[in-house]
Amino acid sequence: MFDVPAEKSKISDAISKRILILGIGNILLRDEGIGVHVVNQLQKYGLPDNVEVIDGGTAGLDILLSQKGVNKLVVVDAIRAGNKPGTIIKFKIQNSKHVPSTSSGQALSGTEGFKIPGAGFSDGQPQISLHQVNLLEALSAAEKMNCVPEEVTVIGVEPAEIDWGLELTEKAAQSIPKVIEQVLEEIGDVIHRE
């Protein structure tokens, strides 16, 4: 029998953590489908086995309820925050039952203790996306089913246009490489933090 060095054990633990990258949105409504376009690109990458990339489409966050054992959830979506089109916004959703009471953010009605920090929003309001309430409700439901992820990060793009059409606007399309970079940083963060 031999001892596994502590550093190697930490890396092994991090690699065993299940990470779900969930792209949500409606590709029929131009920039509203940015999350789906991003995960379609990510599926071409050689990601570690513990990383699952799902096109949630319009079912979106209902998928979360069928995913047991997810340690980290990264949601990619269109976010209307009053910024310039193509602006990337990244934030963590906190479960106030698991974070200090001094954390910033505001819990929305019917979403239990989940909070969205207001940083990055032009008006300071935590209105995140067309799927905001669905996200918080899905997390609350997942918590009741004992399958809420330990960490939830949302990476969004300010849409230029949400109207009928299959093509992303130029601003949204130009943001995809940077969004992918942010997602990859989130994946790497889990491995390097452990």
N, C-alpha and C. Protein backbone atom coordinates (compact mmCIF):
# COMPACT_ATOMS: atom_id res chain seq x y z
N MET A 1 0.84 -1.18 0.00
CA MET A 1 0.00 0.00 0.00
C MET A 1 0.88 1.24 0.00
N PHE A 2 0.46 2.27 -0.69
CA PHE A 2 1.24 3.50 -0.76
C PHE A 2 0.33 4.68 -0.46
N ASP A 3 0.94 5.77 -0.02
CA ASP A 3 0.19 6.97 0.29
C ASP A 3 0.12 7.87 -0.94
N VAL A 4 -1.07 8.38 -1.21
CA VAL A 4 -1.24 9.34 -2.30
C VAL A 4 -0.85 10.71 -1.78
N PRO A 5 0.05 11.41 -2.45
CA PRO A 5 0.43 12.75 -1.99
C PRO A 5 -0.82 13.63 -1.86
N ALA A 6 -0.82 14.50 -0.86
CA ALA A 6 -1.98 15.34 -0.57
C ALA A 6 -2.39 16.17 -1.78
N GLU A 7 -1.43 16.71 -2.52
CA GLU A 7 -1.74 17.54 -3.68
C GLU A 7 -2.49 16.73 -4.74
N LYS A 8 -2.03 15.50 -4.98
CA LYS A 8 -2.67 14.64 -5.96
C LYS A 8 -4.09 14.28 -5.51
N SER A 9 -4.26 14.06 -4.22
CA SER A 9 -5.59 13.75 -3.68
C SER A 9 -6.55 14.91 -3.88
N LYS A 10 -6.08 16.15 -3.66
CA LYS A 10 -6.91 17.33 -3.86
C LYS A 10 -7.34 17.47 -5.31
N ILE A 11 -6.41 17.23 -6.22
CA ILE A 11 -6.74 17.31 -7.64
C ILE A 11 -7.77 16.24 -8.00
N SER A 12 -7.59 15.04 -7.47
CA SER A 12 -8.53 13.96 -7.72
C SER A 12 -9.93 14.31 -7.20
N ASP A 13 -10.00 14.91 -6.00
CA ASP A 13 -11.28 15.33 -5.44
C ASP A 13 -11.94 16.38 -6.33
N ALA A 14 -11.16 17.33 -6.82
CA ALA A 14 -11.71 18.40 -7.67
C ALA A 14 -12.22 17.83 -8.99
N ILE A 15 -11.48 16.88 -9.55
CA ILE A 15 -11.89 16.30 -10.82
C ILE A 15 -13.16 15.46 -10.64
N SER A 16 -13.36 14.91 -9.44
CA SER A 16 -14.56 14.11 -9.21
C SER A 16 -15.79 14.97 -8.96
N LYS A 17 -15.61 16.25 -8.73
CA LYS A 17 -16.76 17.14 -8.53
C LYS A 17 -17.50 17.28 -9.85
N ARG A 18 -18.80 17.12 -9.79
CA ARG A 18 -19.61 17.19 -11.01
C ARG A 18 -19.98 18.63 -11.32
N ILE A 19 -19.67 19.06 -12.54
CA ILE A 19 -19.93 20.42 -12.99
C ILE A 19 -20.92 20.35 -14.14
N LEU A 20 -21.99 21.15 -14.04
CA LEU A 20 -22.99 21.21 -15.11
C LEU A 20 -22.96 22.60 -15.72
N ILE A 21 -22.73 22.66 -17.03
CA ILE A 21 -22.80 23.91 -17.78
C ILE A 21 -24.13 23.87 -18.52
N LEU A 22 -25.02 24.80 -18.19
CA LEU A 22 -26.37 24.79 -18.74
C LEU A 22 -26.62 26.07 -19.53
N GLY A 23 -26.80 25.91 -20.82
CA GLY A 23 -27.13 27.04 -21.68
C GLY A 23 -28.63 27.09 -21.88
N ILE A 24 -29.23 28.23 -21.56
CA ILE A 24 -30.68 28.33 -21.71
C ILE A 24 -31.04 29.49 -22.62
N GLY A 25 -32.19 29.37 -23.24
CA GLY A 25 -32.67 30.43 -24.11
C GLY A 25 -33.41 29.87 -25.31
N ASN A 26 -34.03 30.77 -26.04
CA ASN A 26 -34.82 30.42 -27.20
C ASN A 26 -34.10 30.89 -28.45
N ILE A 27 -33.58 29.95 -29.22
CA ILE A 27 -32.80 30.32 -30.41
C ILE A 27 -33.67 30.94 -31.51
N LEU A 28 -34.99 30.89 -31.37
CA LEU A 28 -35.88 31.52 -32.35
C LEU A 28 -36.01 33.02 -32.13
N LEU A 29 -35.46 33.50 -30.99
CA LEU A 29 -35.59 34.92 -30.63
C LEU A 29 -34.23 35.61 -30.58
N ARG A 30 -33.44 35.36 -31.59
CA ARG A 30 -32.13 35.99 -31.78
C ARG A 30 -31.25 35.91 -30.53
N ASP A 31 -30.92 37.04 -29.90
CA ASP A 31 -29.97 37.06 -28.78
C ASP A 31 -30.49 36.34 -27.54
N GLU A 32 -31.79 36.10 -27.47
CA GLU A 32 -32.36 35.37 -26.34
C GLU A 32 -31.76 33.96 -26.28
N GLY A 33 -31.27 33.47 -27.40
CA GLY A 33 -30.71 32.12 -27.47
C GLY A 33 -29.21 32.05 -27.24
N ILE A 34 -28.60 33.09 -26.73
CA ILE A 34 -27.13 33.12 -26.57
C ILE A 34 -26.61 31.94 -25.75
N GLY A 35 -27.32 31.57 -24.70
CA GLY A 35 -26.87 30.45 -23.85
C GLY A 35 -26.75 29.15 -24.63
N VAL A 36 -27.71 28.91 -25.52
CA VAL A 36 -27.70 27.70 -26.34
C VAL A 36 -26.55 27.76 -27.33
N HIS A 37 -26.33 28.91 -27.94
CA HIS A 37 -25.22 29.05 -28.90
C HIS A 37 -23.87 28.81 -28.21
N VAL A 38 -23.72 29.30 -26.99
CA VAL A 38 -22.46 29.12 -26.26
C VAL A 38 -22.23 27.65 -25.94
N VAL A 39 -23.24 26.95 -25.41
CA VAL A 39 -23.02 25.54 -25.07
C VAL A 39 -22.82 24.68 -26.31
N ASN A 40 -23.43 25.06 -27.43
CA ASN A 40 -23.17 24.32 -28.67
C ASN A 40 -21.70 24.42 -29.05
N GLN A 41 -21.08 25.58 -28.84
CA GLN A 41 -19.65 25.73 -29.09
C GLN A 41 -18.83 24.95 -28.06
N LEU A 42 -19.24 25.01 -26.80
CA LEU A 42 -18.51 24.32 -25.73
C LEU A 42 -18.49 22.80 -25.93
N GLN A 43 -19.54 22.26 -26.54
CA GLN A 43 -19.61 20.82 -26.75
C GLN A 43 -18.53 20.33 -27.70
N LYS A 44 -17.88 21.24 -28.42
CA LYS A 44 -16.79 20.89 -29.33
C LYS A 44 -15.44 20.81 -28.60
N TYR A 45 -15.41 21.29 -27.34
CA TYR A 45 -14.18 21.30 -26.56
C TYR A 45 -13.98 19.94 -25.90
N GLY A 46 -12.74 19.59 -25.66
CA GLY A 46 -12.42 18.36 -24.93
C GLY A 46 -12.41 18.63 -23.44
N LEU A 47 -13.59 18.71 -22.85
CA LEU A 47 -13.71 19.03 -21.43
C LEU A 47 -13.52 17.78 -20.57
N PRO A 48 -13.11 17.94 -19.32
CA PRO A 48 -12.95 16.79 -18.43
C PRO A 48 -14.25 15.99 -18.31
N ASP A 49 -14.11 14.72 -17.96
CA ASP A 49 -15.27 13.82 -17.86
C ASP A 49 -16.29 14.26 -16.81
N ASN A 50 -15.85 15.03 -15.83
CA ASN A 50 -16.78 15.45 -14.77
C ASN A 50 -17.58 16.70 -15.15
N VAL A 51 -17.36 17.20 -16.37
CA VAL A 51 -18.07 18.39 -16.84
C VAL A 51 -19.10 17.97 -17.88
N GLU A 52 -20.36 18.29 -17.59
CA GLU A 52 -21.44 18.00 -18.53
C GLU A 52 -21.97 19.32 -19.09
N VAL A 53 -22.11 19.37 -20.41
CA VAL A 53 -22.61 20.57 -21.09
C VAL A 53 -23.97 20.23 -21.67
N ILE A 54 -24.99 21.00 -21.28
CA ILE A 54 -26.36 20.71 -21.71
C ILE A 54 -26.99 21.93 -22.36
N ASP A 55 -27.60 21.70 -23.51
CA ASP A 55 -28.42 22.70 -24.18
C ASP A 55 -29.80 22.60 -23.52
N GLY A 56 -30.09 23.55 -22.64
CA GLY A 56 -31.36 23.53 -21.92
C GLY A 56 -32.50 24.14 -22.71
N GLY A 57 -32.17 24.85 -23.79
CA GLY A 57 -33.20 25.46 -24.62
C GLY A 57 -34.23 26.18 -23.79
N THR A 58 -35.50 25.98 -24.12
CA THR A 58 -36.57 26.65 -23.38
C THR A 58 -37.00 25.84 -22.17
N ALA A 59 -36.59 24.57 -22.08
CA ALA A 59 -36.87 23.78 -20.87
C ALA A 59 -36.00 24.32 -19.75
N GLY A 60 -34.81 24.73 -20.15
CA GLY A 60 -33.88 25.40 -19.25
C GLY A 60 -33.70 24.77 -17.90
N LEU A 61 -34.15 25.49 -16.90
CA LEU A 61 -33.81 25.14 -15.54
C LEU A 61 -34.60 23.97 -14.99
N ASP A 62 -35.63 23.52 -15.67
CA ASP A 62 -36.31 22.30 -15.25
C ASP A 62 -35.33 21.14 -15.29
N ILE A 63 -34.34 21.23 -16.16
CA ILE A 63 -33.32 20.19 -16.28
C ILE A 63 -32.56 20.03 -14.97
N LEU A 64 -32.36 21.13 -14.27
CA LEU A 64 -31.63 21.09 -13.00
C LEU A 64 -32.26 20.10 -12.03
N LEU A 65 -33.57 20.02 -12.02
CA LEU A 65 -34.26 19.13 -11.09
C LEU A 65 -34.01 17.66 -11.40
N SER A 66 -33.59 17.35 -12.61
CA SER A 66 -33.30 15.95 -12.97
C SER A 66 -31.82 15.62 -12.80
N GLN A 67 -31.03 16.57 -12.37
CA GLN A 67 -29.59 16.39 -12.26
C GLN A 67 -29.18 16.27 -10.80
N LYS A 68 -28.99 15.08 -10.34
CA LYS A 68 -28.56 14.86 -8.95
C LYS A 68 -27.03 14.85 -8.90
N GLY A 69 -26.48 15.30 -7.79
CA GLY A 69 -25.05 15.22 -7.59
C GLY A 69 -24.23 16.28 -8.28
N VAL A 70 -24.85 17.38 -8.70
CA VAL A 70 -24.10 18.47 -9.32
C VAL A 70 -23.49 19.32 -8.22
N ASN A 71 -22.17 19.48 -8.25
CA ASN A 71 -21.49 20.31 -7.25
C ASN A 71 -21.45 21.78 -7.66
N LYS A 72 -21.29 22.00 -8.97
CA LYS A 72 -21.22 23.38 -9.46
C LYS A 72 -22.07 23.49 -10.71
N LEU A 73 -22.90 24.54 -10.73
CA LEU A 73 -23.75 24.83 -11.87
C LEU A 73 -23.32 26.15 -12.46
N VAL A 74 -23.09 26.16 -13.78
CA VAL A 74 -22.80 27.40 -14.50
C VAL A 74 -23.92 27.57 -15.52
N VAL A 75 -24.69 28.64 -15.38
CA VAL A 75 -25.80 28.94 -16.28
C VAL A 75 -25.35 30.03 -17.24
N VAL A 76 -25.59 29.82 -18.52
CA VAL A 76 -25.28 30.82 -19.54
C VAL A 76 -26.61 31.26 -20.15
N ASP A 77 -26.85 32.58 -20.17
CA ASP A 77 -28.15 33.09 -20.57
C ASP A 77 -28.03 34.53 -21.05
N ALA A 78 -29.10 35.02 -21.69
CA ALA A 78 -29.20 36.44 -22.02
C ALA A 78 -29.64 37.17 -20.75
N ILE A 79 -29.04 38.32 -20.50
CA ILE A 79 -29.36 39.08 -19.29
C ILE A 79 -29.63 40.53 -19.66
N ARG A 80 -30.81 41.00 -19.30
CA ARG A 80 -31.14 42.42 -19.49
C ARG A 80 -30.83 43.14 -18.19
N ALA A 81 -29.75 43.90 -18.23
CA ALA A 81 -29.32 44.62 -17.03
C ALA A 81 -29.11 46.11 -17.31
N GLY A 82 -29.50 46.55 -18.50
CA GLY A 82 -29.36 47.96 -18.82
C GLY A 82 -27.98 48.37 -19.27
N ASN A 83 -27.14 47.40 -19.64
CA ASN A 83 -25.79 47.68 -20.13
C ASN A 83 -25.79 47.72 -21.65
N LYS A 84 -24.64 48.01 -22.23
CA LYS A 84 -24.51 48.02 -23.68
C LYS A 84 -24.66 46.59 -24.20
N PRO A 85 -25.30 46.42 -25.37
CA PRO A 85 -25.41 45.08 -25.96
C PRO A 85 -24.04 44.43 -26.10
N GLY A 86 -24.00 43.15 -25.76
CA GLY A 86 -22.76 42.39 -25.82
C GLY A 86 -21.98 42.40 -24.52
N THR A 87 -22.39 43.22 -23.54
CA THR A 87 -21.71 43.25 -22.25
C THR A 87 -21.89 41.91 -21.55
N ILE A 88 -20.80 41.38 -21.00
CA ILE A 88 -20.85 40.11 -20.28
C ILE A 88 -20.96 40.42 -18.79
N ILE A 89 -21.90 39.75 -18.15
CA ILE A 89 -22.13 39.91 -16.71
C ILE A 89 -21.98 38.54 -16.07
N LYS A 90 -21.20 38.49 -15.00
CA LYS A 90 -20.97 37.23 -14.31
C LYS A 90 -21.19 37.45 -12.82
N PHE A 91 -21.96 36.58 -12.21
CA PHE A 91 -22.19 36.68 -10.77
C PHE A 91 -22.55 35.32 -10.20
N LYS A 92 -22.46 35.23 -8.90
CA LYS A 92 -22.82 34.00 -8.19
C LYS A 92 -24.17 34.19 -7.52
N ILE A 93 -24.94 33.15 -7.49
CA ILE A 93 -26.20 33.16 -6.73
C ILE A 93 -25.89 32.48 -5.42
N GLN A 94 -26.27 33.14 -4.36
CA GLN A 94 -25.96 32.64 -3.03
C GLN A 94 -27.20 32.14 -2.33
N ASN A 95 -27.04 31.04 -1.62
CA ASN A 95 -28.10 30.53 -0.78
C ASN A 95 -27.88 31.14 0.59
N SER A 96 -28.76 32.02 1.02
CA SER A 96 -28.54 32.76 2.27
C SER A 96 -28.51 31.85 3.49
N LYS A 97 -28.96 30.62 3.34
CA LYS A 97 -28.87 29.67 4.45
C LYS A 97 -27.44 29.18 4.63
N HIS A 98 -26.63 29.37 3.58
CA HIS A 98 -25.27 28.85 3.61
C HIS A 98 -24.20 29.94 3.55
N VAL A 99 -24.60 31.21 3.52
CA VAL A 99 -23.64 32.30 3.46
C VAL A 99 -23.90 33.26 4.60
N PRO A 100 -22.91 34.07 5.00
CA PRO A 100 -23.12 35.03 6.09
C PRO A 100 -24.26 35.99 5.77
N SER A 101 -24.93 36.45 6.79
CA SER A 101 -26.08 37.33 6.60
C SER A 101 -25.68 38.69 6.06
N THR A 102 -24.40 39.01 6.06
CA THR A 102 -23.95 40.30 5.55
C THR A 102 -23.82 40.31 4.03
N SER A 103 -24.05 39.17 3.37
CA SER A 103 -23.89 39.14 1.91
C SER A 103 -24.91 40.07 1.26
N SER A 104 -24.47 40.68 0.15
CA SER A 104 -25.37 41.60 -0.56
C SER A 104 -26.34 40.80 -1.40
N GLY A 105 -27.38 41.44 -1.82
CA GLY A 105 -28.34 40.78 -2.68
C GLY A 105 -29.73 40.89 -2.13
N GLN A 106 -30.67 40.38 -2.88
CA GLN A 106 -32.06 40.50 -2.51
C GLN A 106 -32.75 39.19 -2.85
N ALA A 107 -33.45 38.61 -1.89
CA ALA A 107 -34.21 37.40 -2.16
C ALA A 107 -35.52 37.81 -2.81
N LEU A 108 -35.92 37.06 -3.81
CA LEU A 108 -37.18 37.35 -4.49
C LEU A 108 -38.29 36.53 -3.87
N SER A 109 -39.48 37.03 -3.92
CA SER A 109 -40.64 36.36 -3.36
C SER A 109 -40.79 34.96 -3.93
N GLY A 110 -41.00 33.99 -3.06
CA GLY A 110 -41.22 32.62 -3.50
C GLY A 110 -39.95 31.88 -3.85
N THR A 111 -38.80 32.44 -3.52
CA THR A 111 -37.55 31.79 -3.89
C THR A 111 -36.72 31.43 -2.68
N GLU A 112 -37.36 31.34 -1.53
CA GLU A 112 -36.69 30.95 -0.30
C GLU A 112 -35.52 31.87 -0.04
N GLY A 113 -34.34 31.30 0.29
CA GLY A 113 -33.23 32.13 0.70
C GLY A 113 -32.19 32.41 -0.34
N PHE A 114 -32.48 32.24 -1.61
CA PHE A 114 -31.48 32.49 -2.63
C PHE A 114 -31.40 33.97 -2.95
N LYS A 115 -30.17 34.46 -3.09
CA LYS A 115 -29.94 35.89 -3.32
C LYS A 115 -29.09 36.10 -4.56
N ILE A 116 -29.35 37.20 -5.23
CA ILE A 116 -28.56 37.59 -6.39
C ILE A 116 -27.88 38.91 -6.06
N PRO A 117 -26.55 38.91 -5.96
CA PRO A 117 -25.87 40.18 -5.72
C PRO A 117 -26.17 41.16 -6.85
N GLY A 118 -26.27 42.45 -6.52
CA GLY A 118 -26.64 43.46 -7.50
C GLY A 118 -25.48 44.01 -8.31
N ALA A 119 -24.26 43.61 -8.03
CA ALA A 119 -23.11 44.15 -8.75
C ALA A 119 -23.19 43.85 -10.23
N GLY A 120 -22.83 44.82 -11.06
CA GLY A 120 -22.81 44.63 -12.50
C GLY A 120 -24.07 45.08 -13.19
N PHE A 121 -25.05 45.50 -12.43
CA PHE A 121 -26.31 45.92 -13.01
C PHE A 121 -26.34 47.44 -13.02
N SER A 122 -26.66 48.02 -14.15
CA SER A 122 -26.57 49.47 -14.30
C SER A 122 -27.46 50.22 -13.31
N ASP A 123 -28.60 49.63 -12.96
CA ASP A 123 -29.50 50.31 -12.04
C ASP A 123 -29.43 49.74 -10.63
N GLY A 124 -28.51 48.81 -10.39
CA GLY A 124 -28.35 48.21 -9.07
C GLY A 124 -29.40 47.19 -8.72
N GLN A 125 -30.36 46.95 -9.60
CA GLN A 125 -31.42 46.00 -9.32
C GLN A 125 -31.00 44.60 -9.76
N PRO A 126 -31.35 43.60 -9.00
CA PRO A 126 -30.94 42.24 -9.33
C PRO A 126 -31.87 41.55 -10.32
N GLN A 127 -32.30 42.24 -11.35
CA GLN A 127 -33.11 41.61 -12.38
C GLN A 127 -32.15 41.01 -13.38
N ILE A 128 -32.13 39.68 -13.50
CA ILE A 128 -31.06 39.07 -14.25
C ILE A 128 -31.41 38.65 -15.65
N SER A 129 -32.47 37.93 -15.83
CA SER A 129 -32.74 37.43 -17.16
C SER A 129 -34.21 37.17 -17.34
N LEU A 130 -34.55 36.78 -18.54
CA LEU A 130 -35.93 36.41 -18.80
C LEU A 130 -36.31 35.16 -18.03
N HIS A 131 -35.32 34.46 -17.51
CA HIS A 131 -35.56 33.21 -16.77
C HIS A 131 -35.27 33.37 -15.29
N GLN A 132 -35.19 34.61 -14.79
CA GLN A 132 -34.79 34.89 -13.42
C GLN A 132 -35.59 34.10 -12.39
N VAL A 133 -36.89 34.25 -12.41
CA VAL A 133 -37.71 33.58 -11.40
C VAL A 133 -37.60 32.07 -11.57
N ASN A 134 -37.57 31.59 -12.81
CA ASN A 134 -37.43 30.15 -13.02
C ASN A 134 -36.15 29.62 -12.40
N LEU A 135 -35.05 30.37 -12.51
CA LEU A 135 -33.78 29.95 -11.95
C LEU A 135 -33.87 29.85 -10.43
N LEU A 136 -34.36 30.89 -9.80
CA LEU A 136 -34.44 30.88 -8.35
C LEU A 136 -35.44 29.85 -7.84
N GLU A 137 -36.56 29.69 -8.55
CA GLU A 137 -37.53 28.67 -8.17
C GLU A 137 -36.95 27.27 -8.34
N ALA A 138 -36.20 27.06 -9.42
CA ALA A 138 -35.57 25.75 -9.65
C ALA A 138 -34.56 25.44 -8.55
N LEU A 139 -33.79 26.45 -8.13
CA LEU A 139 -32.83 26.24 -7.05
C LEU A 139 -33.54 25.93 -5.74
N SER A 140 -34.63 26.63 -5.47
CA SER A 140 -35.40 26.36 -4.25
C SER A 140 -35.98 24.95 -4.28
N ALA A 141 -36.51 24.56 -5.43
CA ALA A 141 -37.06 23.20 -5.56
C ALA A 141 -35.94 22.17 -5.43
N ALA A 142 -34.78 22.44 -6.03
CA ALA A 142 -33.65 21.52 -5.94
C ALA A 142 -33.19 21.38 -4.49
N GLU A 143 -33.23 22.48 -3.75
CA GLU A 143 -32.84 22.41 -2.34
C GLU A 143 -33.79 21.51 -1.56
N LYS A 144 -35.09 21.64 -1.84
CA LYS A 144 -36.08 20.80 -1.15
C LYS A 144 -35.89 19.33 -1.50
N MET A 145 -35.35 19.06 -2.68
CA MET A 145 -35.11 17.68 -3.11
C MET A 145 -33.68 17.24 -2.78
N ASN A 146 -32.98 18.05 -2.01
CA ASN A 146 -31.59 17.78 -1.61
C ASN A 146 -30.66 17.57 -2.80
N CYS A 147 -30.86 18.36 -3.85
CA CYS A 147 -29.96 18.25 -5.00
C CYS A 147 -29.51 19.62 -5.50
N VAL A 148 -29.49 20.61 -4.60
CA VAL A 148 -29.03 21.94 -4.99
C VAL A 148 -27.51 21.94 -5.11
N PRO A 149 -26.98 22.53 -6.18
CA PRO A 149 -25.52 22.59 -6.32
C PRO A 149 -24.89 23.43 -5.21
N GLU A 150 -23.65 23.10 -4.86
CA GLU A 150 -22.93 23.87 -3.84
C GLU A 150 -22.66 25.29 -4.34
N GLU A 151 -22.39 25.42 -5.63
CA GLU A 151 -22.08 26.72 -6.22
C GLU A 151 -22.91 26.94 -7.48
N VAL A 152 -23.38 28.17 -7.65
CA VAL A 152 -24.12 28.52 -8.86
C VAL A 152 -23.54 29.84 -9.38
N THR A 153 -23.09 29.80 -10.62
CA THR A 153 -22.58 30.99 -11.29
C THR A 153 -23.41 31.23 -12.54
N VAL A 154 -23.78 32.48 -12.76
CA VAL A 154 -24.51 32.85 -13.96
C VAL A 154 -23.59 33.74 -14.80
N ILE A 155 -23.47 33.38 -16.07
CA ILE A 155 -22.71 34.19 -17.02
C ILE A 155 -23.70 34.60 -18.10
N GLY A 156 -23.88 35.90 -18.25
CA GLY A 156 -24.88 36.36 -19.20
C GLY A 156 -24.35 37.41 -20.14
N VAL A 157 -25.10 37.60 -21.20
CA VAL A 157 -24.76 38.60 -22.21
C VAL A 157 -25.96 39.52 -22.37
N GLU A 158 -25.69 40.82 -22.33
CA GLU A 158 -26.74 41.80 -22.59
C GLU A 158 -27.18 41.68 -24.04
N PRO A 159 -28.45 41.37 -24.30
CA PRO A 159 -28.90 41.22 -25.69
C PRO A 159 -29.07 42.56 -26.39
N ALA A 160 -28.83 42.55 -27.69
CA ALA A 160 -29.09 43.75 -28.50
C ALA A 160 -30.51 43.70 -29.03
N GLU A 161 -30.96 42.48 -29.34
CA GLU A 161 -32.29 42.33 -29.94
C GLU A 161 -32.89 41.00 -29.55
N ILE A 162 -34.12 41.06 -29.08
CA ILE A 162 -34.89 39.84 -28.82
C ILE A 162 -36.15 39.95 -29.67
N ASP A 163 -36.07 39.31 -30.82
CA ASP A 163 -37.16 39.35 -31.79
C ASP A 163 -37.01 38.11 -32.67
N TRP A 164 -38.02 37.80 -33.46
CA TRP A 164 -37.97 36.62 -34.31
C TRP A 164 -36.74 36.62 -35.20
N GLY A 165 -36.06 35.49 -35.22
CA GLY A 165 -34.88 35.33 -36.06
C GLY A 165 -33.93 34.31 -35.45
N LEU A 166 -33.21 33.60 -36.29
CA LEU A 166 -32.31 32.55 -35.82
C LEU A 166 -30.88 33.03 -35.59
N GLU A 167 -30.51 34.14 -36.18
CA GLU A 167 -29.14 34.64 -36.10
C GLU A 167 -28.95 35.54 -34.88
N LEU A 168 -27.80 35.39 -34.24
CA LEU A 168 -27.44 36.32 -33.17
C LEU A 168 -27.08 37.66 -33.81
N THR A 169 -27.26 38.74 -33.07
CA THR A 169 -26.77 40.03 -33.54
C THR A 169 -25.25 40.00 -33.50
N GLU A 170 -24.64 40.94 -34.18
CA GLU A 170 -23.18 41.00 -34.23
C GLU A 170 -22.57 41.12 -32.83
N LYS A 171 -23.14 41.98 -31.99
CA LYS A 171 -22.62 42.18 -30.62
C LYS A 171 -22.68 40.91 -29.81
N ALA A 172 -23.80 40.20 -29.89
CA ALA A 172 -23.94 38.95 -29.13
C ALA A 172 -22.97 37.89 -29.65
N ALA A 173 -22.89 37.76 -30.96
CA ALA A 173 -21.99 36.77 -31.56
C ALA A 173 -20.54 37.05 -31.18
N GLN A 174 -20.16 38.32 -31.16
CA GLN A 174 -18.78 38.68 -30.82
C GLN A 174 -18.45 38.36 -29.36
N SER A 175 -19.45 38.24 -28.51
CA SER A 175 -19.21 37.97 -27.09
C SER A 175 -18.94 36.50 -26.80
N ILE A 176 -19.29 35.61 -27.72
CA ILE A 176 -19.20 34.17 -27.45
C ILE A 176 -17.80 33.72 -27.02
N PRO A 177 -16.71 34.09 -27.71
CA PRO A 177 -15.40 33.64 -27.25
C PRO A 177 -15.08 34.07 -25.81
N LYS A 178 -15.49 35.27 -25.43
CA LYS A 178 -15.22 35.74 -24.06
C LYS A 178 -16.10 35.01 -23.05
N VAL A 179 -17.32 34.69 -23.43
CA VAL A 179 -18.20 33.93 -22.54
C VAL A 179 -17.60 32.54 -22.32
N ILE A 180 -17.15 31.92 -23.40
CA ILE A 180 -16.52 30.59 -23.28
C ILE A 180 -15.30 30.66 -22.38
N GLU A 181 -14.52 31.71 -22.51
CA GLU A 181 -13.36 31.91 -21.64
C GLU A 181 -13.78 31.97 -20.17
N GLN A 182 -14.88 32.69 -19.90
CA GLN A 182 -15.39 32.79 -18.52
C GLN A 182 -15.85 31.42 -18.00
N VAL A 183 -16.52 30.65 -18.85
CA VAL A 183 -16.97 29.31 -18.45
C VAL A 183 -15.76 28.43 -18.15
N LEU A 184 -14.76 28.48 -19.01
CA LEU A 184 -13.56 27.66 -18.79
C LEU A 184 -12.84 28.07 -17.52
N GLU A 185 -12.84 29.36 -17.20
CA GLU A 185 -12.26 29.82 -15.93
C GLU A 185 -13.02 29.22 -14.75
N GLU A 186 -14.34 29.16 -14.86
CA GLU A 186 -15.15 28.56 -13.79
C GLU A 186 -14.81 27.08 -13.60
N ILE A 187 -14.62 26.38 -14.69
CA ILE A 187 -14.26 24.96 -14.61
C ILE A 187 -12.87 24.83 -13.98
N GLY A 188 -11.93 25.62 -14.45
CA GLY A 188 -10.57 25.59 -13.92
C GLY A 188 -10.50 25.99 -12.46
N ASP A 189 -11.37 26.90 -12.06
CA ASP A 189 -11.40 27.38 -10.68
C ASP A 189 -11.70 26.24 -9.72
N VAL A 190 -12.56 25.33 -10.10
CA VAL A 190 -12.90 24.20 -9.23
C VAL A 190 -11.67 23.31 -9.05
N ILE A 191 -10.95 23.05 -10.14
CA ILE A 191 -9.78 22.19 -10.05
C ILE A 191 -8.64 22.86 -9.30
N HIS A 192 -8.39 24.15 -9.55
CA HIS A 192 -7.27 24.83 -8.91
C HIS A 192 -7.54 25.20 -7.46
N ARG A 193 -8.79 25.33 -7.08
CA ARG A 193 -9.14 25.73 -5.72
C ARG A 193 -8.94 24.58 -4.75
N GLU A 194 -9.14 23.38 -5.22
CA GLU A 194 -9.10 22.21 -4.33
C GLU A 194 -7.69 21.87 -3.89
